Amino acid sequence: MKHEQPPLSSLGNIEPIQESRNVMVRTREELTALVEAPLLQACASLYDKNIRTLSSSANKGDIEGGAAHIIIDFDSLSETNKEIAKGLGELLTYDSEQAIKIEIPISPTTSPAEIEQAAQAIADKFQEQPILWAPTYSLEDLKKIYGIAAEDRNFDDPKSWEESGYFYDQNNNIFYLSEEHYKKATKK
């Protein structure tokens, strides 16, 4: 479901995107439908650095609480980025994963542009790292996930899985969630 991004004139105009919690993003483009406008640039920067965000929020519902936030998968960070993250936010358990919640203080008069600028400044502190969170699957794994019997050979051709969005790495005989994940994982 694609969301229209409202004008960035007032945080009070920005509706929450509910289905953004803990989604495994396959492509950078998907972020547009999952991240509210004031945090989109920062979350895209983090994604480009191979840092996985689990959730983010910068909408009218955050005004009363006084903070927008980005929650990052702590266990998927490089050691350097873990140290950076500890200096920026609060370590917590989030959907049974260790995460870091980085808050951006806001008030009723804080503009979305101010949030965007503060969030980008946070994202800029992190370093690019290897992608440590992109799952890979063997053919057997995919068959098990989709309830296909091991002896059923109808799905043994990698092309049948590529039609569902998976990317097949023929050198290592594994599947990635997307070609974008494959490129990130194999980038030198």
C-alpha atoms as a PDB file:
ATOM      1  CA  MET A   1       0.000   0.000   0.000  1.00  0.00           C
ATOM      2  CA  LYS A   2       1.551   3.296  -1.133  1.00  0.00           C
ATOM      3  CA  HIS A   3       1.129   6.301   1.146  1.00  0.00           C
ATOM      4  CA  GLU A   4       0.894   9.866  -0.070  1.00  0.00           C
ATOM      5  CA  GLN A   5       3.477  11.965   1.703  1.00  0.00           C
ATOM      6  CA  PRO A   6       1.737  15.168   2.901  1.00  0.00           C
ATOM      7  CA  PRO A   7       3.317  18.598   2.639  1.00  0.00           C
ATOM      8  CA  LEU A   8       6.001  19.061   5.267  1.00  0.00           C
ATOM      9  CA  SER A   9       4.411  22.228   6.669  1.00  0.00           C
ATOM     10  CA  SER A  10       3.180  20.797   9.973  1.00  0.00           C
ATOM     11  CA  LEU A  11       3.773  17.626  11.953  1.00  0.00           C
ATOM     12  CA  GLY A  12       0.076  17.783  12.845  1.00  0.00           C
ATOM     13  CA  ASN A  13      -0.741  16.972   9.197  1.00  0.00           C
ATOM     14  CA  ILE A  14       1.234  13.728   9.154  1.00  0.00           C
ATOM     15  CA  GLU A  15      -0.786  10.574   9.764  1.00  0.00           C
ATOM     16  CA  PRO A  16       0.934   7.527  11.285  1.00  0.00           C
ATOM     17  CA  ILE A  17       1.981   4.699   8.977  1.00  0.00           C
ATOM     18  CA  GLN A  18       0.860   1.673  10.975  1.00  0.00           C
ATOM     19  CA  GLU A  19       2.315  -1.204   8.937  1.00  0.00           C
ATOM     20  CA  SER A  20       5.898  -0.032   9.216  1.00  0.00           C
ATOM     21  CA  ARG A  21       6.824  -1.919  12.381  1.00  0.00           C
ATOM     22  CA  ASN A  22       9.582  -4.519  11.999  1.00  0.00           C
ATOM     23  CA  VAL A  23       9.164  -5.036   8.236  1.00  0.00           C
ATOM     24  CA  MET A  24      12.080  -6.676   6.416  1.00  0.00           C
ATOM     25  CA  VAL A  25      12.720  -4.123   3.681  1.00  0.00           C
ATOM     26  CA  ARG A  26      13.676  -5.709   0.352  1.00  0.00           C
ATOM     27  CA  THR A  27      14.477  -2.494  -1.524  1.00  0.00           C
ATOM     28  CA  ARG A  28      15.256   1.133  -0.765  1.00  0.00           C
ATOM     29  CA  GLU A  29      12.143   2.140  -2.678  1.00  0.00           C
ATOM     30  CA  GLU A  30       9.912   0.322  -0.145  1.00  0.00           C
ATOM     31  CA  LEU A  31      10.928   2.840   2.511  1.00  0.00           C
ATOM     32  CA  THR A  32       8.626   5.439   0.916  1.00  0.00           C
ATOM     33  CA  ALA A  33       5.578   3.398   1.947  1.00  0.00           C
ATOM     34  CA  LEU A  34       6.932   2.549   5.412  1.00  0.00           C
ATOM     35  CA  VAL A  35       8.583   5.705   6.763  1.00  0.00           C
ATOM     36  CA  GLU A  36       6.889   9.013   7.493  1.00  0.00           C
ATOM     37  CA  ALA A  37       8.233  11.956   5.497  1.00  0.00           C
ATOM     38  CA  PRO A  38      10.329  13.694   8.190  1.00  0.00           C
ATOM     39  CA  LEU A  39      12.389  10.520   8.760  1.00  0.00           C
ATOM     40  CA  LEU A  40      12.490   9.162   5.210  1.00  0.00           C
ATOM     41  CA  GLN A  41      15.817  10.743   4.201  1.00  0.00           C
ATOM     42  CA  ALA A  42      17.541   9.564   7.409  1.00  0.00           C
ATOM     43  CA  CYS A  43      16.146   6.018   7.178  1.00  0.00           C
ATOM     44  CA  ALA A  44      17.221   5.851   3.513  1.00  0.00           C
ATOM     45  CA  SER A  45      20.720   6.983   4.533  1.00  0.00           C
ATOM     46  CA  LEU A  46      20.842   4.280   7.204  1.00  0.00           C
ATOM     47  CA  TYR A  47      19.638   1.690   4.673  1.00  0.00           C
ATOM     48  CA  ASP A  48      22.363   2.829   2.261  1.00  0.00           C
ATOM     49  CA  LYS A  49      24.891   2.226   5.062  1.00  0.00           C
ATOM     50  CA  ASN A  50      23.425  -1.292   5.565  1.00  0.00           C
ATOM     51  CA  ILE A  51      21.855  -0.387   8.898  1.00  0.00           C
ATOM     52  CA  ARG A  52      18.461  -1.946   9.571  1.00  0.00           C
ATOM     53  CA  THR A  53      15.741   0.187  11.102  1.00  0.00           C
ATOM     54  CA  LEU A  54      12.977  -1.736  12.867  1.00  0.00           C
ATOM     55  CA  SER A  55      10.585   1.160  13.296  1.00  0.00           C
ATOM     56  CA  SER A  56      10.365   4.924  13.067  1.00  0.00           C
ATOM     57  CA  SER A  57       7.795   7.527  13.959  1.00  0.00           C
ATOM     58  CA  ALA A  58       7.392  11.232  13.200  1.00  0.00           C
ATOM     59  CA  ASN A  59       3.701  12.009  12.977  1.00  0.00           C
ATOM     60  CA  LYS A  60       0.942  13.945  14.725  1.00  0.00           C
ATOM     61  CA  GLY A  61       0.694  11.262  17.416  1.00  0.00           C
ATOM     62  CA  ASP A  62       4.244  11.970  18.569  1.00  0.00           C
ATOM     63  CA  ILE A  63       3.580  15.615  19.461  1.00  0.00           C
ATOM     64  CA  GLU A  64       2.028  14.786  22.841  1.00  0.00           C
ATOM     65  CA  GLY A  65       4.891  12.415  23.757  1.00  0.00           C
ATOM     66  CA  GLY A  66       7.468  15.053  22.855  1.00  0.00           C
ATOM     67  CA  ALA A  67       9.682  12.898  20.627  1.00  0.00           C
ATOM     68  CA  ALA A  68       9.962  11.365  17.194  1.00  0.00           C
ATOM     69  CA  HIS A  69      12.163   8.278  17.015  1.00  0.00           C
ATOM     70  CA  ILE A  70      14.076   5.724  14.973  1.00  0.00           C
ATOM     71  CA  ILE A  71      14.579   2.195  16.324  1.00  0.00           C
ATOM     72  CA  ILE A  72      17.598   0.324  14.949  1.00  0.00           C
ATOM     73  CA  ASP A  73      18.369  -3.406  15.093  1.00  0.00           C
ATOM     74  CA  PHE A  74      21.309  -3.252  17.509  1.00  0.00           C
ATOM     75  CA  ASP A  75      22.550  -6.808  16.935  1.00  0.00           C
ATOM     76  CA  SER A  76      22.935  -6.148  13.204  1.00  0.00           C
ATOM     77  CA  LEU A  77      25.337  -3.257  13.746  1.00  0.00           C
ATOM     78  CA  SER A  78      29.098  -3.429  13.309  1.00  0.00           C
ATOM     79  CA  GLU A  79      31.101  -2.960  16.507  1.00  0.00           C
ATOM     80  CA  THR A  80      31.921   0.626  15.495  1.00  0.00           C
ATOM     81  CA  ASN A  81      28.267   1.436  14.838  1.00  0.00           C
ATOM     82  CA  LYS A  82      27.221  -0.201  18.134  1.00  0.00           C
ATOM     83  CA  GLU A  83      29.454   2.255  19.973  1.00  0.00           C
ATOM     84  CA  ILE A  84      28.035   5.170  17.975  1.00  0.00           C
ATOM     85  CA  ALA A  85      24.469   3.980  18.649  1.00  0.00           C
ATOM     86  CA  LYS A  86      25.049   3.650  22.410  1.00  0.00           C
ATOM     87  CA  GLY A  87      25.976   7.331  22.473  1.00  0.00           C
ATOM     88  CA  LEU A  88      22.789   8.323  20.663  1.00  0.00           C
ATOM     89  CA  GLY A  89      19.993   6.336  22.236  1.00  0.00           C
ATOM     90  CA  GLU A  90      18.566   3.876  24.690  1.00  0.00           C
ATOM     91  CA  LEU A  91      19.197   0.125  24.449  1.00  0.00           C
ATOM     92  CA  LEU A  92      15.975  -1.891  24.707  1.00  0.00           C
ATOM     93  CA  THR A  93      14.293  -5.157  23.781  1.00  0.00           C
ATOM     94  CA  TYR A  94      11.991  -4.650  20.806  1.00  0.00           C
ATOM     95  CA  ASP A  95       9.876  -7.544  19.525  1.00  0.00           C
ATOM     96  CA  SER A  96      12.371  -9.894  21.250  1.00  0.00           C
ATOM     97  CA  GLU A  97      15.323  -8.267  19.451  1.00  0.00           C
ATOM     98  CA  GLN A  98      17.984  -6.066  20.987  1.00  0.00           C
ATOM     99  CA  ALA A  99      17.464  -2.586  19.596  1.00  0.00           C
ATOM    100  CA  ILE A 100      18.493   1.007  20.121  1.00  0.00           C
ATOM    101  CA  LYS A 101      15.842   3.724  20.259  1.00  0.00           C
ATOM    102  CA  ILE A 102      17.073   7.132  19.162  1.00  0.00           C
ATOM    103  CA  GLU A 103      14.702   9.944  20.042  1.00  0.00           C
ATOM    104  CA  ILE A 104      14.428  13.358  18.457  1.00  0.00           C
ATOM    105  CA  PRO A 105      12.860  15.861  20.876  1.00  0.00           C
ATOM    106  CA  ILE A 106       9.892  17.730  19.433  1.00  0.00           C
ATOM    107  CA  SER A 107       7.345  20.294  20.576  1.00  0.00           C
ATOM    108  CA  PRO A 108       4.037  21.422  19.084  1.00  0.00           C
ATOM    109  CA  THR A 109       5.961  24.032  17.083  1.00  0.00           C
ATOM    110  CA  THR A 110       8.706  21.737  15.743  1.00  0.00           C
ATOM    111  CA  SER A 111       8.495  21.632  11.977  1.00  0.00           C
ATOM    112  CA  PRO A 112       8.888  18.445   9.928  1.00  0.00           C
ATOM    113  CA  ALA A 113      11.903  20.085   8.264  1.00  0.00           C
ATOM    114  CA  GLU A 114      13.563  20.481  11.677  1.00  0.00           C
ATOM    115  CA  ILE A 115      12.925  16.800  12.445  1.00  0.00           C
ATOM    116  CA  GLU A 116      14.270  15.826   9.040  1.00  0.00           C
ATOM    117  CA  GLN A 117      17.447  17.841   9.655  1.00  0.00           C
ATOM    118  CA  ALA A 118      17.972  16.392  13.160  1.00  0.00           C
ATOM    119  CA  ALA A 119      17.344  12.825  11.948  1.00  0.00           C
ATOM    120  CA  GLN A 120      19.777  13.229   9.067  1.00  0.00           C
ATOM    121  CA  ALA A 121      22.431  14.551  11.458  1.00  0.00           C
ATOM    122  CA  ILE A 122      21.969  11.337  13.479  1.00  0.00           C
ATOM    123  CA  ALA A 123      22.174   9.123  10.379  1.00  0.00           C
ATOM    124  CA  ASP A 124      25.337  10.929   9.284  1.00  0.00           C
ATOM    125  CA  LYS A 125      27.120   9.810  12.467  1.00  0.00           C
ATOM    126  CA  PHE A 126      26.937   6.135  11.454  1.00  0.00           C
ATOM    127  CA  GLN A 127      29.479   4.456   9.190  1.00  0.00           C
ATOM    128  CA  GLU A 128      28.777   2.215   6.238  1.00  0.00           C
ATOM    129  CA  GLN A 129      29.095  -1.429   7.254  1.00  0.00           C
ATOM    130  CA  PRO A 130      28.676  -4.874   5.736  1.00  0.00           C
ATOM    131  CA  ILE A 131      25.028  -5.897   5.554  1.00  0.00           C
ATOM    132  CA  LEU A 132      24.713  -8.146   8.590  1.00  0.00           C
ATOM    133  CA  TRP A 133      20.929  -8.520   8.615  1.00  0.00           C
ATOM    134  CA  ALA A 134      19.962  -9.657   5.095  1.00  0.00           C
ATOM    135  CA  PRO A 135      18.718 -13.239   5.336  1.00  0.00           C
ATOM    136  CA  THR A 136      19.761 -15.905   2.856  1.00  0.00           C
ATOM    137  CA  TYR A 137      17.972 -19.138   2.068  1.00  0.00           C
ATOM    138  CA  SER A 138      18.805 -22.476   0.532  1.00  0.00           C
ATOM    139  CA  LEU A 139      16.281 -24.133  -1.765  1.00  0.00           C
ATOM    140  CA  GLU A 140      15.451 -26.479   1.112  1.00  0.00           C
ATOM    141  CA  ASP A 141      14.846 -23.507   3.430  1.00  0.00           C
ATOM    142  CA  LEU A 142      12.381 -21.926   1.000  1.00  0.00           C
ATOM    143  CA  LYS A 143      10.512 -25.176   0.481  1.00  0.00           C
ATOM    144  CA  LYS A 144      10.194 -25.618   4.242  1.00  0.00           C
ATOM    145  CA  ILE A 145       9.025 -22.011   4.744  1.00  0.00           C
ATOM    146  CA  TYR A 146       6.330 -22.410   2.097  1.00  0.00           C
ATOM    147  CA  GLY A 147       5.273 -25.907   3.187  1.00  0.00           C
ATOM    148  CA  ILE A 148       6.519 -27.640   0.038  1.00  0.00           C
ATOM    149  CA  ALA A 149       7.567 -31.256   0.457  1.00  0.00           C
ATOM    150  CA  ALA A 150      11.306 -31.837  -0.016  1.00  0.00           C
ATOM    151  CA  GLU A 151      10.614 -34.470  -2.682  1.00  0.00           C
ATOM    152  CA  ASP A 152       8.377 -32.086  -4.690  1.00  0.00           C
ATOM    153  CA  ARG A 153      10.626 -31.057  -7.614  1.00  0.00           C
ATOM    154  CA  ASN A 154       8.186 -28.524  -9.116  1.00  0.00           C
ATOM    155  CA  PHE A 155       9.993 -25.671  -7.344  1.00  0.00           C
ATOM    156  CA  ASP A 156      13.608 -26.744  -7.784  1.00  0.00           C
ATOM    157  CA  ASP A 157      14.250 -24.294 -10.630  1.00  0.00           C
ATOM    158  CA  PRO A 158      15.545 -20.995  -9.151  1.00  0.00           C
ATOM    159  CA  LYS A 159      13.458 -19.088 -11.706  1.00  0.00           C
ATOM    160  CA  SER A 160      10.284 -20.165  -9.925  1.00  0.00           C
ATOM    161  CA  TRP A 161      11.509 -18.353  -6.803  1.00  0.00           C
ATOM    162  CA  GLU A 162      12.789 -15.318  -8.701  1.00  0.00           C
ATOM    163  CA  GLU A 163       9.226 -14.744  -9.919  1.00  0.00           C
ATOM    164  CA  SER A 164       8.310 -14.227  -6.232  1.00  0.00           C
ATOM    165  CA  GLY A 165      10.986 -11.561  -5.812  1.00  0.00           C
ATOM    166  CA  TYR A 166      13.845 -13.691  -4.484  1.00  0.00           C
ATOM    167  CA  PHE A 167      17.266 -13.345  -6.085  1.00  0.00           C
ATOM    168  CA  TYR A 168      19.338 -16.440  -6.765  1.00  0.00           C
ATOM    169  CA  ASP A 169      23.098 -16.275  -6.219  1.00  0.00           C
ATOM    170  CA  GLN A 170      24.267 -19.122  -8.458  1.00  0.00           C
ATOM    171  CA  ASN A 171      27.883 -18.869  -7.245  1.00  0.00           C
ATOM    172  CA  ASN A 172      26.886 -19.717  -3.673  1.00  0.00           C
ATOM    173  CA  ASN A 173      23.642 -21.580  -4.422  1.00  0.00           C
ATOM    174  CA  ILE A 174      21.569 -19.370  -2.094  1.00  0.00           C
ATOM    175  CA  PHE A 175      18.630 -17.002  -2.393  1.00  0.00           C
ATOM    176  CA  TYR A 176      18.358 -13.429  -1.131  1.00  0.00           C
ATOM    177  CA  LEU A 177      15.107 -11.555  -0.486  1.00  0.00           C
ATOM    178  CA  SER A 178      15.979  -9.252  -3.402  1.00  0.00           C
ATOM    179  CA  GLU A 179      18.656  -8.430  -5.930  1.00  0.00           C
ATOM    180  CA  GLU A 180      19.329  -5.281  -3.917  1.00  0.00           C
ATOM    181  CA  HIS A 181      20.214  -7.393  -0.846  1.00  0.00           C
ATOM    182  CA  TYR A 182      22.481  -9.544  -3.005  1.00  0.00           C
ATOM    183  CA  LYS A 183      24.310  -6.477  -4.336  1.00  0.00           C
ATOM    184  CA  LYS A 184      24.705  -5.062  -0.833  1.00  0.00           C
ATOM    185  CA  ALA A 185      26.009  -8.393   0.505  1.00  0.00           C
ATOM    186  CA  THR A 186      28.518  -8.910  -2.279  1.00  0.00           C
ATOM    187  CA  LYS A 187      29.729  -5.307  -2.557  1.00  0.00           C
ATOM    188  CA  LYS A 188      33.487  -5.107  -2.112  1.00  0.00           C
END
